[in-house]
Structures are given as C-alpha cells and as structure tokens.
C-alpha cells in the first residue's frame, strides 16, 4: 500500500483524491473505477483505483470514519453526493 503517512482522513481529502483520479491528474491509464475495500490481512480500510481489468492500479488508506461516511462519494462520484 502507499505511504503510511498519506492516509485520507477527511471527506474533503477523499473528494480531492476522487477529483484527481477523475480528471487524470495522477497520470494513471485505463482507469475504470474506484472502490472502497477492506484489507483482508489487517482489516484496514482503503480506497482503490481499478483498471479496465479490475486490477488495482493505485490505493490509499482511509480512516474508518471516511469509509463509513464517504461511500456515496465513491459510488456516485465527487461533487454528486446529496447529503
């Protein structure tokens, strides 16, 4: 997983990350989706960027709070969440 100090801990940080992925600002290719998931080894939560073959191309750790409250942002896309 990416740098341990680079944990997404607020909804605003999650939003910025999603916008960067959506706008191509991270230099990733073949991006087809973003998902939230749980690491099977230690139970930590993360947001995953997936390619057209559903393979992981980038991930960032997220806090439990972001996992619980940010699911609509990941599901519907940044800026499209109705709260």
Protein backbone atom coordinates (compact mmCIF):
# COMPACT_ATOMS: atom_id res chain seq x y z
CA UNK A 1 0.00 0.00 0.00
CA UNK A 2 1.09 3.58 -0.39
CA UNK A 3 2.87 5.77 2.15
CA UNK A 4 1.52 5.18 5.67
CA UNK A 5 1.60 8.92 6.42
CA UNK A 6 -0.61 9.63 3.41
CA UNK A 7 -3.93 8.49 4.93
CA UNK A 8 -7.16 10.10 3.75
CA UNK A 9 -8.77 11.24 6.98
CA UNK A 10 -11.47 13.71 5.90
CA UNK A 11 -14.25 13.77 3.32
CA UNK A 12 -12.60 16.79 1.74
CA UNK A 13 -9.38 14.83 1.20
CA UNK A 14 -11.39 11.96 -0.29
CA UNK A 15 -13.17 14.40 -2.60
CA UNK A 16 -9.84 15.86 -3.79
CA UNK A 17 -8.45 12.37 -4.40
CA UNK A 18 -11.53 11.33 -6.40
CA UNK A 19 -11.40 14.51 -8.48
CA UNK A 20 -7.70 13.94 -9.20
CA UNK A 21 -8.44 10.40 -10.38
CA UNK A 22 -11.44 11.53 -12.45
CA UNK A 23 -9.53 14.39 -14.09
CA UNK A 24 -6.48 12.25 -14.90
CA UNK A 25 -4.30 14.34 -12.61
CA UNK A 26 -2.45 11.34 -11.21
CA UNK A 27 -1.15 10.13 -14.57
CA UNK A 28 -2.98 6.80 -14.39
CA UNK A 29 -4.10 4.97 -17.53
CA UNK A 30 -7.03 2.62 -18.19
CA UNK A 31 -8.86 3.73 -15.03
CA UNK A 32 -12.35 2.26 -14.99
CA UNK A 33 -13.48 2.69 -11.41
CA UNK A 34 -12.91 3.47 -7.78
CA UNK A 35 -13.99 1.32 -4.86
CA UNK A 36 -13.68 1.17 -1.10
CA UNK A 37 -12.39 -2.06 0.35
CA UNK A 38 -11.00 -3.77 3.43
CA UNK A 39 -7.55 -5.29 3.64
CA UNK A 40 -8.01 -9.00 4.40
CA UNK A 41 -4.76 -9.19 6.34
CA UNK A 42 -5.34 -6.49 8.95
CA UNK A 43 -8.86 -5.12 8.41
CA UNK A 44 -7.72 -1.63 7.44
CA UNK A 45 -9.88 0.31 5.03
CA UNK A 46 -8.67 1.73 1.72
CA UNK A 47 -9.89 3.34 -1.47
CA UNK A 48 -8.81 1.52 -4.61
CA UNK A 49 -8.46 2.75 -8.19
CA UNK A 50 -9.13 -0.08 -10.63
CA UNK A 51 -8.26 -0.51 -14.29
CA UNK A 52 -10.34 -1.95 -17.12
CA UNK A 53 -9.48 -5.49 -15.96
CA UNK A 54 -10.49 -4.72 -12.36
CA UNK A 55 -6.84 -4.77 -11.29
CA UNK A 56 -5.58 -2.42 -8.60
CA UNK A 57 -3.56 0.48 -10.04
CA UNK A 58 -3.48 2.81 -7.01
CA UNK A 59 -4.71 2.73 -3.44
CA UNK A 60 -4.78 4.98 -0.42
CA UNK A 61 -5.52 4.11 3.19
CA UNK A 62 -8.62 5.77 4.63
CA UNK A 63 -9.89 6.15 8.16
CA UNK A 64 -12.90 4.19 9.38
CA UNK A 65 -14.89 7.43 9.53
CA UNK A 66 -14.16 8.21 5.88
CA UNK A 67 -15.06 4.64 4.96
CA UNK A 68 -18.42 4.94 6.70
CA UNK A 69 -19.31 8.46 5.53
CA UNK A 70 -17.66 8.62 2.11
CA UNK A 71 -19.30 5.66 0.39
CA UNK A 72 -21.78 7.81 -1.53
CA UNK A 73 -18.95 9.98 -2.87
CA UNK A 74 -17.16 6.92 -4.21
CA UNK A 75 -20.37 5.35 -5.51
CA UNK A 76 -21.77 8.50 -7.19
CA UNK A 77 -18.61 10.41 -7.97
CA UNK A 78 -17.16 13.58 -6.46
CA UNK A 79 -19.50 16.52 -6.16
CA UNK A 80 -22.57 14.39 -6.90
CA UNK A 81 -23.40 13.35 -3.36
CA UNK A 82 -26.64 14.54 -1.85
CA UNK A 83 -26.43 14.84 1.94
